[in-house]
Amino acid sequence: MRGGRGPARRGADPLGLWFWALAVLGLARAWLILVRDGDTAGVVGWAWLGGSLLLALLGGVLVARSLLRGDPRR
């Protein structure tokens, strides 16, 4: 043990997991907008859907990178 930190632990990137949680909430909101409003949802529903998918992708990249690299962020 150097510096009293203990053994390195592998774990997922907390920021990536937080992005995934926000993406799930955004996808739920997009689903409500697109289903409730139907044909009149327009740009707002598609913006929620696109932004949520991008956030999920970014979170997935961060989590995968930290798990593959074994980045101990604790």
Protein backbone atom coordinates (compact mmCIF):
# COMPACT_ATOMS: atom_id res chain seq x y z
CA MET A 1 0.00 0.00 0.00
CA ARG A 2 1.49 3.25 -1.10
CA GLY A 3 0.27 6.35 0.58
CA GLY A 4 -2.43 4.48 2.49
CA ARG A 5 -4.84 4.35 -0.44
CA GLY A 6 -5.24 0.59 -0.47
CA PRO A 7 -5.64 -1.60 -3.53
CA ALA A 8 -7.00 -0.05 -6.69
CA ARG A 9 -10.62 -0.91 -7.36
CA ARG A 10 -12.19 -1.16 -10.78
CA GLY A 11 -15.42 0.66 -11.14
CA ALA A 12 -17.56 2.52 -13.60
CA ASP A 13 -17.12 6.23 -14.14
CA PRO A 14 -19.61 8.03 -11.85
CA LEU A 15 -20.11 10.81 -14.39
CA GLY A 16 -21.02 8.25 -17.07
CA LEU A 17 -23.54 6.62 -14.75
CA TRP A 18 -25.01 10.03 -13.95
CA PHE A 19 -25.32 10.76 -17.69
CA TRP A 20 -27.12 7.43 -18.14
CA ALA A 21 -29.58 8.30 -15.36
CA LEU A 22 -30.29 11.68 -16.94
CA ALA A 23 -30.70 10.02 -20.33
CA VAL A 24 -33.30 7.61 -18.92
CA LEU A 25 -35.25 10.54 -17.49
CA GLY A 26 -34.96 12.41 -20.79
CA LEU A 27 -36.13 9.37 -22.77
CA ALA A 28 -39.14 9.06 -20.48
CA ARG A 29 -39.93 12.74 -21.05
CA ALA A 30 -39.50 12.40 -24.82
CA TRP A 31 -41.79 9.36 -24.81
CA LEU A 32 -44.47 11.32 -22.95
CA ILE A 33 -44.19 14.26 -25.33
CA LEU A 34 -44.19 12.17 -28.50
CA VAL A 35 -47.00 9.83 -27.41
CA ARG A 36 -49.21 12.35 -25.64
CA ASP A 37 -49.05 15.01 -28.33
CA GLY A 38 -48.91 12.58 -31.25
CA ASP A 39 -48.59 14.39 -34.54
CA THR A 40 -48.32 17.81 -32.94
CA ALA A 41 -45.21 17.00 -30.85
CA GLY A 42 -42.97 18.72 -33.35
CA VAL A 43 -39.45 19.84 -32.65
CA VAL A 44 -39.63 19.73 -28.86
CA GLY A 45 -40.24 15.99 -28.62
CA TRP A 46 -37.58 15.19 -31.18
CA ALA A 47 -35.10 17.49 -29.42
CA TRP A 48 -35.71 15.66 -26.13
CA LEU A 49 -35.27 12.33 -27.87
CA GLY A 50 -32.09 13.35 -29.71
CA GLY A 51 -30.53 14.97 -26.65
CA SER A 52 -31.31 11.97 -24.48
CA LEU A 53 -29.80 9.57 -26.99
CA LEU A 54 -26.65 11.68 -27.22
CA LEU A 55 -26.40 11.80 -23.44
CA ALA A 56 -26.83 8.02 -23.24
CA LEU A 57 -24.11 7.56 -25.86
CA LEU A 58 -21.72 9.85 -24.01
CA GLY A 59 -22.41 8.08 -20.73
CA GLY A 60 -21.84 4.70 -22.38
CA VAL A 61 -18.50 5.84 -23.78
CA LEU A 62 -17.36 7.10 -20.38
CA VAL A 63 -18.45 3.94 -18.57
CA ALA A 64 -16.92 1.62 -21.18
CA ARG A 65 -13.66 3.56 -21.18
CA SER A 66 -13.34 3.44 -17.41
CA LEU A 67 -14.18 -0.28 -17.22
CA LEU A 68 -11.84 -1.27 -20.04
CA ARG A 69 -9.00 0.85 -18.76
CA GLY A 70 -9.55 -0.11 -15.15
CA ASP A 71 -9.52 3.51 -14.03
CA PRO A 72 -9.74 3.64 -10.22
CA ARG A 73 -11.54 6.93 -9.56
CA ARG A 74 -12.20 6.31 -5.88
